[in-house]
Each structure stands twice: as C-alpha cells, then as structure tokens.
Amino acid sequence: MNKTQQGFTLIELMITVAIVGIIAAIAVPNYSEYIKRASRAEAASALLDAANKQEQYFVDNRAYSTSFSDLGIQSKTENGHFELTINVVNSNEFTITAKPIAGAVKGDADCTSLTINDVGLKGATGSKGNTDINYCWGR
C-alpha cells in the first residue's frame, strides 16, 4: 500500500515562519520611518503655508498676527499629527513652531519640533534636528 503525504511538515512550517519573521523585521522599521518622514513633510508644508499667510497678513495690516484664525488656517496639521504655535515679537518678527502631538511622530526623538521665522530661516530640534536641519525638513 502506498501512503501519500498530505499537508506540511513541522520543519517546513518553521522555515516559513522564520522567513516571514525576517521579512517583518526588515519591513516594519522601514515603514515606521516612512510614516515619520511623511508626517514631517506635512508639518513642513503647514509651516510654509502659515509663514506665507503671515506675510500676506503683514502686507495688509503692517503687523504679524498672533492668531491662526486671522490667517484663515488651522492650528493643527491636516492629519492632526502636529500642532502649530505662533510667537510674535514686537509685531514685526514671528516664529511658527510645529510640535508632534499624535501618530507615529509623537515619540520621534529625531525631530521633536520644526520652526520657521519671518525671514524664512528654518530650524529643528531633536537628536538629528540639532545637527541636520535638512533631515527634519525632508530635503
């Protein structure tokens, strides 16, 4: 009598699990970094938009606004991962800061905040932001 084997052996199953584990170990960190970069790009875009709106407001009112409602924009980024704040000094200088509040970027130690000021100077804080602003701004 011929006995035919059906199904998988335990060794075949363990090899498959090991391969899936190796692929997951490589893919998950890369995906997490991709999500952080995309969120930082969203924050950078919101900062540039807010700075542009501030300049338009300054042309019309001869002073910078301390309120996002005056500028017609929200204080959070589109996906809600960053919160923006405005600091105005003497009504003719401003700094807008984006700090992470939700999502994958909340625990991002590389770039804890992004900033832009009235002369277009970009800044960043964090373990990589202090040494490489371009890393945080996505250039």
Protein backbone atom coordinates (compact mmCIF):
# COMPACT_ATOMS: atom_id res chain seq x y z
CA MET A 1 0.00 0.00 0.00
CA ASN A 2 1.27 3.44 -0.97
CA LYS A 3 0.91 6.08 1.64
CA THR A 4 0.86 9.67 0.25
CA GLN A 5 1.83 12.58 2.36
CA GLN A 6 -0.60 15.49 2.62
CA GLY A 7 -0.01 18.84 4.29
CA PHE A 8 3.16 20.41 5.64
CA THR A 9 5.79 19.04 7.95
CA LEU A 10 6.71 20.90 11.09
CA ILE A 11 10.12 21.81 9.64
CA GLU A 12 8.55 23.34 6.53
CA LEU A 13 6.20 25.35 8.70
CA MET A 14 9.03 26.59 10.96
CA ILE A 15 11.12 27.65 7.94
CA THR A 16 8.15 29.62 6.61
CA VAL A 17 7.62 31.31 9.97
CA ALA A 18 11.33 32.21 10.14
CA ILE A 19 11.26 33.74 6.65
CA VAL A 20 8.15 35.78 7.47
CA GLY A 21 9.79 36.93 10.71
CA ILE A 22 12.93 38.10 8.89
CA ILE A 23 10.89 39.99 6.30
CA ALA A 24 8.79 41.62 9.04
CA ALA A 25 11.91 42.61 10.99
CA ILE A 26 13.15 44.49 7.94
CA ALA A 27 9.84 45.93 6.72
CA VAL A 28 8.33 47.30 9.96
CA PRO A 29 11.16 49.72 10.84
CA ASN A 30 11.32 50.95 7.24
CA TYR A 31 7.59 51.54 7.20
CA SER A 32 7.70 53.38 10.53
CA GLU A 33 10.44 55.67 9.20
CA TYR A 34 8.41 56.29 6.05
CA ILE A 35 5.39 57.34 8.15
CA LYS A 36 7.56 59.72 10.21
CA ARG A 37 9.04 61.32 7.07
CA ALA A 38 5.57 61.77 5.57
CA SER A 39 4.28 63.40 8.77
CA ARG A 40 7.31 65.71 8.93
CA ALA A 41 6.66 66.73 5.32
CA GLU A 42 3.07 67.54 6.30
CA ALA A 43 4.36 69.74 9.15
CA ALA A 44 6.87 71.46 6.87
CA SER A 45 4.14 72.20 4.35
CA ALA A 46 1.86 73.60 7.07
CA LEU A 47 4.69 75.81 8.37
CA LEU A 48 5.47 77.18 4.93
CA ASP A 49 1.78 77.88 4.33
CA ALA A 50 1.43 79.61 7.70
CA ALA A 51 4.55 81.73 7.05
CA ASN A 52 3.16 82.73 3.66
CA LYS A 53 -0.18 83.69 5.25
CA GLN A 54 1.70 85.70 7.89
CA GLU A 55 3.48 87.68 5.18
CA GLN A 56 0.18 88.36 3.41
CA TYR A 57 -1.32 89.48 6.73
CA PHE A 58 1.68 91.75 7.37
CA VAL A 59 1.26 93.45 3.98
CA ASP A 60 -2.39 94.17 4.76
CA ASN A 61 -2.05 95.12 8.46
CA ARG A 62 1.58 96.22 8.98
CA ALA A 63 1.90 93.68 11.82
CA TYR A 64 2.08 89.93 12.17
CA SER A 65 -0.86 88.03 13.61
CA THR A 66 -0.77 86.00 16.81
CA SER A 67 -3.88 84.06 15.82
CA PHE A 68 -4.35 81.33 13.23
CA SER A 69 -7.97 82.39 12.74
CA ASP A 70 -6.72 85.79 11.47
CA LEU A 71 -4.67 83.88 8.91
CA GLY A 72 -7.55 81.62 7.91
CA ILE A 73 -5.77 78.39 8.80
CA GLN A 74 -5.99 75.72 11.50
CA SER A 75 -3.57 75.37 14.40
CA LYS A 76 -3.17 71.64 13.63
CA THR A 77 -1.85 70.00 10.51
CA GLU A 78 -4.26 68.32 8.13
CA ASN A 79 -3.91 64.85 9.66
CA GLY A 80 -3.67 66.23 13.20
CA HIS A 81 -0.17 64.91 13.87
CA PHE A 82 1.37 68.33 14.62
CA GLU A 83 0.18 71.41 16.48
CA LEU A 84 1.34 74.83 15.31
CA THR A 85 2.06 77.78 17.56
CA ILE A 86 2.88 81.39 16.68
CA ASN A 87 5.26 83.58 18.67
CA VAL A 88 5.25 87.24 17.61
CA VAL A 89 7.87 89.68 18.90
CA ASN A 90 7.26 93.45 18.60
CA SER A 91 4.61 92.77 15.90
CA ASN A 92 7.35 92.67 13.25
CA GLU A 93 9.04 89.32 13.92
CA PHE A 94 7.46 85.89 14.18
CA THR A 95 8.38 82.26 14.71
CA ILE A 96 5.97 79.45 13.93
CA THR A 97 6.63 76.09 15.57
CA ALA A 98 5.21 72.66 14.78
CA LYS A 99 5.33 70.06 17.57
CA PRO A 100 4.15 66.45 17.22
CA ILE A 101 1.00 65.58 19.17
CA ALA A 102 -0.25 62.30 17.66
CA GLY A 103 0.60 59.39 15.42
CA ALA A 104 3.99 57.85 14.75
CA VAL A 105 5.79 61.19 15.15
CA LYS A 106 4.67 61.74 18.75
CA GLY A 107 7.58 59.68 20.04
CA ASP A 108 10.01 60.82 17.34
CA ALA A 109 13.23 61.75 19.13
CA ASP A 110 14.98 62.63 15.86
CA CYS A 111 12.86 65.72 15.19
CA THR A 112 10.90 66.96 18.21
CA SER A 113 9.88 70.27 16.57
CA LEU A 114 10.18 72.24 13.34
CA THR A 115 10.27 76.04 13.16
CA ILE A 116 10.27 78.84 10.60
CA ASN A 117 10.64 82.55 11.22
CA ASP A 118 9.83 85.83 9.46
CA VAL A 119 12.99 85.77 7.33
CA GLY A 120 12.41 82.18 6.22
CA LEU A 121 15.04 80.65 8.48
CA LYS A 122 14.13 77.02 9.12
CA GLY A 123 15.01 75.21 12.31
CA ALA A 124 14.54 71.87 14.01
CA THR A 125 15.16 70.33 17.40
CA GLY A 126 15.78 66.74 18.36
CA SER A 127 18.67 64.31 18.20
CA LYS A 128 19.07 64.79 14.43
CA GLY A 129 17.42 68.21 14.10
CA ASN A 130 20.14 69.89 16.16
CA THR A 131 22.81 68.72 13.75
CA ASP A 132 20.96 68.23 10.45
CA ILE A 133 18.01 70.53 9.82
CA ASN A 134 17.64 69.17 6.29
CA TYR A 135 16.91 65.71 7.71
CA CYS A 136 13.90 67.02 9.61
CA TRP A 137 12.69 69.28 6.83
CA GLY A 138 12.90 66.44 4.30
CA ARG A 139 15.41 67.82 1.85
